């Protein structure tokens, strides 16, 4: 969050929003570690903020991995199922929601 006053000289202050993504493996695909990222309130909607990557091989899927958010704020975040790119669906407001925790499955 970046605030600017109307004084002279203008003063500014910034606060960041933290997003924690926890991961659970229910098939052969698995994440090597959880992700913790910092996203600022002024990040434009539809911006890609993280590329999730799971490893593993499922012969039934010919090695492809599908990503889905299974819990967390899906009104604000989404993931491209075929690539694992996490992106912002709506504006952030640190004063209303200072932290987001998303659970992502890779299958």
N, C-alpha and C. Protein backbone atom coordinates (compact mmCIF):
# COMPACT_ATOMS: atom_id res chain seq x y z
N UNK A 1 0.86 -1.16 0.00
CA UNK A 1 0.00 0.00 0.00
C UNK A 1 0.90 1.21 0.00
N UNK A 2 0.62 2.17 -0.82
CA UNK A 2 1.40 3.40 -0.86
C UNK A 2 0.46 4.56 -0.58
N UNK A 3 0.74 5.32 0.46
CA UNK A 3 -0.06 6.48 0.81
C UNK A 3 0.75 7.74 0.57
N UNK A 4 0.10 8.78 0.03
CA UNK A 4 0.76 10.06 -0.24
C UNK A 4 -0.09 11.14 0.39
N UNK A 5 0.56 12.03 1.16
CA UNK A 5 -0.22 13.12 1.76
C UNK A 5 -0.24 14.32 0.83
N UNK A 6 -0.97 15.34 1.20
CA UNK A 6 -1.13 16.52 0.36
C UNK A 6 -0.21 17.66 0.81
N UNK A 7 0.71 17.39 1.72
CA UNK A 7 1.60 18.42 2.24
C UNK A 7 2.69 18.81 1.26
N UNK A 8 3.51 19.74 1.69
CA UNK A 8 4.63 20.18 0.88
C UNK A 8 5.86 20.20 1.77
N UNK A 9 6.84 19.38 1.59
CA UNK A 9 6.91 18.34 0.56
C UNK A 9 5.97 17.18 0.89
N UNK A 10 5.56 16.48 -0.17
CA UNK A 10 4.69 15.32 0.01
C UNK A 10 5.45 14.19 0.69
N UNK A 11 4.80 13.53 1.62
CA UNK A 11 5.37 12.38 2.29
C UNK A 11 4.67 11.13 1.80
N UNK A 12 5.39 10.03 1.73
CA UNK A 12 4.79 8.77 1.30
C UNK A 12 5.14 7.67 2.29
N UNK A 13 4.32 6.65 2.27
CA UNK A 13 4.57 5.47 3.10
C UNK A 13 4.06 4.27 2.32
N UNK A 14 4.75 3.13 2.45
CA UNK A 14 4.35 1.92 1.74
C UNK A 14 4.23 0.75 2.70
N UNK A 15 3.29 -0.13 2.42
CA UNK A 15 3.11 -1.38 3.16
C UNK A 15 2.91 -2.46 2.13
N UNK A 16 3.49 -3.63 2.36
CA UNK A 16 3.33 -4.72 1.41
C UNK A 16 2.30 -5.72 1.90
N UNK A 17 1.76 -6.49 0.97
CA UNK A 17 0.83 -7.57 1.27
C UNK A 17 1.59 -8.87 1.07
N UNK A 18 1.48 -9.80 2.01
CA UNK A 18 2.17 -11.08 1.90
C UNK A 18 1.18 -12.16 1.48
N UNK A 19 1.61 -13.03 0.61
CA UNK A 19 0.81 -14.16 0.15
C UNK A 19 1.59 -15.42 0.46
N UNK A 20 0.98 -16.35 1.17
CA UNK A 20 1.62 -17.63 1.45
C UNK A 20 0.83 -18.70 0.71
N UNK A 21 1.53 -19.52 -0.03
CA UNK A 21 0.90 -20.60 -0.78
C UNK A 21 1.39 -21.91 -0.19
N UNK A 22 0.46 -22.67 0.36
CA UNK A 22 0.82 -23.98 0.87
C UNK A 22 0.48 -25.00 -0.19
N UNK A 23 1.22 -26.07 -0.24
CA UNK A 23 1.04 -27.04 -1.31
C UNK A 23 0.83 -28.43 -0.73
N UNK A 24 -0.03 -29.18 -1.40
CA UNK A 24 -0.34 -30.54 -0.99
C UNK A 24 -0.27 -31.41 -2.23
N UNK A 25 0.37 -32.54 -2.14
CA UNK A 25 0.46 -33.45 -3.27
C UNK A 25 -0.48 -34.63 -3.05
N UNK A 26 -1.41 -34.85 -3.99
CA UNK A 26 -2.30 -36.00 -3.88
C UNK A 26 -2.05 -37.00 -5.00
N UNK A 27 -1.10 -36.71 -5.86
CA UNK A 27 -0.73 -37.65 -6.93
C UNK A 27 0.79 -37.68 -6.99
N UNK A 28 1.32 -38.11 -8.11
CA UNK A 28 2.75 -38.16 -8.28
C UNK A 28 3.40 -36.79 -8.36
N UNK A 29 2.64 -35.75 -8.68
CA UNK A 29 3.21 -34.40 -8.77
C UNK A 29 3.41 -33.85 -7.37
N UNK A 30 4.52 -33.13 -7.17
CA UNK A 30 4.76 -32.53 -5.85
C UNK A 30 5.55 -31.24 -6.01
N UNK A 31 5.33 -30.36 -5.05
CA UNK A 31 6.07 -29.11 -4.98
C UNK A 31 7.31 -29.35 -4.13
N UNK A 32 8.40 -28.71 -4.47
CA UNK A 32 9.63 -28.88 -3.72
C UNK A 32 9.61 -28.12 -2.40
N UNK A 33 8.85 -27.03 -2.34
CA UNK A 33 8.74 -26.25 -1.10
C UNK A 33 7.53 -25.33 -1.19
N UNK A 34 7.06 -24.83 -0.04
CA UNK A 34 5.98 -23.83 -0.09
C UNK A 34 6.53 -22.51 -0.66
N UNK A 35 5.65 -21.67 -1.12
CA UNK A 35 6.03 -20.37 -1.65
C UNK A 35 5.52 -19.29 -0.70
N UNK A 36 6.35 -18.31 -0.43
CA UNK A 36 5.91 -17.11 0.28
C UNK A 36 6.37 -15.94 -0.58
N UNK A 37 5.41 -15.13 -1.02
CA UNK A 37 5.74 -14.01 -1.90
C UNK A 37 5.19 -12.73 -1.30
N UNK A 38 5.70 -11.62 -1.80
CA UNK A 38 5.25 -10.30 -1.39
C UNK A 38 4.67 -9.62 -2.62
N UNK A 39 3.43 -9.15 -2.50
CA UNK A 39 2.76 -8.47 -3.60
C UNK A 39 2.25 -7.13 -3.07
N UNK A 40 2.51 -6.07 -3.78
CA UNK A 40 2.11 -4.75 -3.34
C UNK A 40 0.66 -4.44 -3.74
N UNK A 41 0.01 -3.59 -2.94
CA UNK A 41 -1.38 -3.20 -3.21
C UNK A 41 -1.57 -2.59 -4.59
N UNK A 42 -0.57 -1.91 -5.10
CA UNK A 42 -0.73 -1.25 -6.40
C UNK A 42 -0.40 -2.16 -7.58
N UNK A 43 -0.25 -3.46 -7.33
CA UNK A 43 -0.02 -4.40 -8.42
C UNK A 43 -1.27 -4.44 -9.31
N UNK A 44 -1.12 -4.25 -10.61
CA UNK A 44 -2.29 -4.22 -11.49
C UNK A 44 -3.03 -5.56 -11.53
N UNK A 45 -4.36 -5.48 -11.63
CA UNK A 45 -5.19 -6.67 -11.79
C UNK A 45 -4.75 -7.39 -13.07
N UNK A 46 -4.79 -8.71 -13.05
CA UNK A 46 -4.37 -9.60 -14.14
C UNK A 46 -2.86 -9.75 -14.25
N UNK A 47 -2.12 -9.21 -13.29
CA UNK A 47 -0.67 -9.38 -13.29
C UNK A 47 -0.29 -10.78 -12.83
N UNK A 48 0.67 -11.38 -13.49
CA UNK A 48 1.25 -12.64 -13.04
C UNK A 48 2.19 -12.32 -11.89
N UNK A 49 2.05 -13.06 -10.78
CA UNK A 49 2.88 -12.76 -9.61
C UNK A 49 3.81 -13.91 -9.24
N UNK A 50 3.55 -15.10 -9.76
CA UNK A 50 4.37 -16.25 -9.40
C UNK A 50 4.13 -17.38 -10.39
N UNK A 51 5.19 -18.12 -10.69
CA UNK A 51 5.06 -19.33 -11.49
C UNK A 51 5.29 -20.50 -10.55
N UNK A 52 4.22 -21.25 -10.29
CA UNK A 52 4.30 -22.45 -9.45
C UNK A 52 4.90 -23.58 -10.29
N UNK A 53 5.66 -24.42 -9.63
CA UNK A 53 6.25 -25.54 -10.37
C UNK A 53 6.20 -26.79 -9.51
N UNK A 54 5.55 -27.81 -10.03
CA UNK A 54 5.50 -29.12 -9.37
C UNK A 54 6.24 -30.12 -10.24
N UNK A 55 6.87 -31.07 -9.58
CA UNK A 55 7.59 -32.11 -10.31
C UNK A 55 6.95 -33.45 -10.05
N UNK A 56 7.10 -34.32 -10.99
CA UNK A 56 6.56 -35.66 -10.85
C UNK A 56 6.07 -36.15 -12.18
N UNK A 57 5.90 -37.43 -12.27
CA UNK A 57 5.47 -38.00 -13.53
C UNK A 57 4.30 -38.94 -13.28
N UNK A 58 3.22 -38.67 -13.95
CA UNK A 58 2.04 -39.52 -13.90
C UNK A 58 1.82 -40.08 -15.30
N UNK A 59 2.14 -41.35 -15.53
CA UNK A 59 2.02 -41.92 -16.88
C UNK A 59 0.63 -41.76 -17.49
N UNK A 60 -0.40 -41.73 -16.67
CA UNK A 60 -1.76 -41.58 -17.20
C UNK A 60 -1.97 -40.21 -17.83
N UNK A 61 -1.23 -39.19 -17.37
CA UNK A 61 -1.35 -37.83 -17.91
C UNK A 61 -0.20 -37.47 -18.83
N UNK A 62 0.61 -38.43 -19.20
CA UNK A 62 1.77 -38.21 -20.07
C UNK A 62 2.70 -37.13 -19.53
N UNK A 63 2.82 -37.07 -18.21
CA UNK A 63 3.75 -36.14 -17.59
C UNK A 63 3.24 -34.73 -17.39
N UNK A 64 2.01 -34.42 -17.83
CA UNK A 64 1.50 -33.06 -17.65
C UNK A 64 1.02 -32.86 -16.22
N UNK A 65 1.09 -31.63 -15.74
CA UNK A 65 0.66 -31.27 -14.40
C UNK A 65 -0.45 -30.24 -14.53
N UNK A 66 -1.50 -30.39 -13.73
CA UNK A 66 -2.60 -29.44 -13.68
C UNK A 66 -2.63 -28.81 -12.30
N UNK A 67 -2.73 -27.48 -12.25
CA UNK A 67 -2.71 -26.73 -11.01
C UNK A 67 -4.10 -26.18 -10.71
N UNK A 68 -4.54 -26.29 -9.45
CA UNK A 68 -5.81 -25.71 -9.03
C UNK A 68 -5.67 -25.16 -7.61
N UNK A 69 -6.33 -24.03 -7.36
CA UNK A 69 -6.41 -23.50 -6.00
C UNK A 69 -7.56 -24.21 -5.32
N UNK A 70 -7.29 -24.89 -4.22
CA UNK A 70 -8.33 -25.66 -3.54
C UNK A 70 -8.85 -24.98 -2.29
N UNK A 71 -8.13 -24.02 -1.76
CA UNK A 71 -8.66 -23.21 -0.66
C UNK A 71 -7.91 -21.89 -0.63
N UNK A 72 -8.56 -20.90 -0.09
CA UNK A 72 -7.99 -19.56 -0.05
C UNK A 72 -8.90 -18.61 -0.79
N UNK A 73 -8.44 -17.42 -1.01
CA UNK A 73 -9.25 -16.38 -1.62
C UNK A 73 -9.21 -16.47 -3.14
N UNK A 74 -10.14 -17.23 -3.71
CA UNK A 74 -10.16 -17.38 -5.17
C UNK A 74 -10.87 -16.22 -5.86
N UNK A 75 -11.45 -15.29 -5.08
CA UNK A 75 -11.99 -14.07 -5.69
C UNK A 75 -10.87 -13.11 -6.04
N UNK A 76 -9.74 -13.24 -5.36
CA UNK A 76 -8.60 -12.34 -5.56
C UNK A 76 -7.51 -12.97 -6.42
N UNK A 77 -7.36 -14.28 -6.34
CA UNK A 77 -6.27 -15.00 -7.01
C UNK A 77 -6.80 -16.09 -7.91
N UNK A 78 -6.04 -16.41 -8.94
CA UNK A 78 -6.34 -17.59 -9.76
C UNK A 78 -5.02 -18.13 -10.29
N UNK A 79 -5.06 -19.37 -10.74
CA UNK A 79 -3.87 -20.00 -11.30
C UNK A 79 -4.25 -20.57 -12.67
N UNK A 80 -3.36 -20.41 -13.63
CA UNK A 80 -3.57 -21.01 -14.95
C UNK A 80 -3.29 -22.50 -14.79
N UNK A 81 -4.30 -23.31 -15.02
CA UNK A 81 -4.22 -24.75 -14.74
C UNK A 81 -3.08 -25.44 -15.45
N UNK A 82 -2.80 -25.05 -16.66
CA UNK A 82 -1.80 -25.76 -17.47
C UNK A 82 -0.37 -25.27 -17.27
N UNK A 83 -0.20 -24.05 -16.73
CA UNK A 83 1.15 -23.49 -16.60
C UNK A 83 1.59 -23.27 -15.16
N UNK A 84 0.64 -23.15 -14.22
CA UNK A 84 0.99 -22.87 -12.84
C UNK A 84 1.25 -21.40 -12.58
N UNK A 85 0.89 -20.52 -13.50
CA UNK A 85 1.08 -19.09 -13.29
C UNK A 85 -0.04 -18.57 -12.37
N UNK A 86 0.36 -18.01 -11.24
CA UNK A 86 -0.57 -17.41 -10.30
C UNK A 86 -0.73 -15.95 -10.67
N UNK A 87 -1.98 -15.49 -10.76
CA UNK A 87 -2.19 -14.10 -11.12
C UNK A 87 -3.27 -13.46 -10.25
N UNK A 88 -3.26 -12.15 -10.25
CA UNK A 88 -4.15 -11.34 -9.44
C UNK A 88 -5.45 -11.09 -10.21
N UNK A 89 -6.59 -11.49 -9.62
CA UNK A 89 -7.89 -11.31 -10.27
C UNK A 89 -8.58 -10.02 -9.87
N UNK A 90 -8.25 -9.48 -8.69
CA UNK A 90 -8.86 -8.24 -8.24
C UNK A 90 -7.86 -7.47 -7.39
N UNK A 91 -8.15 -6.21 -7.14
CA UNK A 91 -7.24 -5.33 -6.41
C UNK A 91 -7.03 -5.81 -4.98
N UNK A 92 -5.84 -5.54 -4.47
CA UNK A 92 -5.50 -5.86 -3.09
C UNK A 92 -5.75 -4.65 -2.20
N UNK A 93 -6.07 -4.92 -0.93
CA UNK A 93 -6.25 -3.86 0.04
C UNK A 93 -5.69 -4.36 1.36
N UNK A 94 -4.46 -3.98 1.66
CA UNK A 94 -3.76 -4.47 2.85
C UNK A 94 -4.51 -4.16 4.13
N UNK A 95 -5.21 -3.05 4.19
CA UNK A 95 -5.92 -2.70 5.42
C UNK A 95 -7.10 -3.64 5.68
N UNK A 96 -7.67 -4.21 4.64
CA UNK A 96 -8.77 -5.18 4.80
C UNK A 96 -8.27 -6.60 4.94
N UNK A 97 -7.26 -6.97 4.15
CA UNK A 97 -6.71 -8.33 4.18
C UNK A 97 -5.19 -8.24 4.12
N UNK A 98 -4.52 -8.31 5.28
CA UNK A 98 -3.07 -8.15 5.28
C UNK A 98 -2.31 -9.39 4.81
N UNK A 99 -2.97 -10.56 4.74
CA UNK A 99 -2.29 -11.77 4.35
C UNK A 99 -3.27 -12.71 3.66
N UNK A 100 -2.79 -13.42 2.67
CA UNK A 100 -3.57 -14.43 1.96
C UNK A 100 -2.85 -15.76 2.08
N UNK A 101 -3.59 -16.81 2.33
CA UNK A 101 -3.02 -18.16 2.34
C UNK A 101 -3.82 -18.97 1.34
N UNK A 102 -3.15 -19.48 0.33
CA UNK A 102 -3.79 -20.27 -0.72
C UNK A 102 -3.25 -21.70 -0.64
N UNK A 103 -4.12 -22.66 -0.89
CA UNK A 103 -3.67 -24.04 -1.01
C UNK A 103 -3.84 -24.43 -2.46
N UNK A 104 -2.75 -24.92 -3.06
CA UNK A 104 -2.75 -25.27 -4.46
C UNK A 104 -2.46 -26.77 -4.59
N UNK A 105 -3.25 -27.45 -5.40
CA UNK A 105 -2.99 -28.86 -5.70
C UNK A 105 -2.41 -28.97 -7.11
N UNK A 106 -1.46 -29.86 -7.24
CA UNK A 106 -0.89 -30.20 -8.54
C UNK A 106 -1.21 -31.66 -8.79
N UNK A 107 -1.89 -31.92 -9.88
CA UNK A 107 -2.26 -33.30 -10.19
C UNK A 107 -1.81 -33.68 -11.57
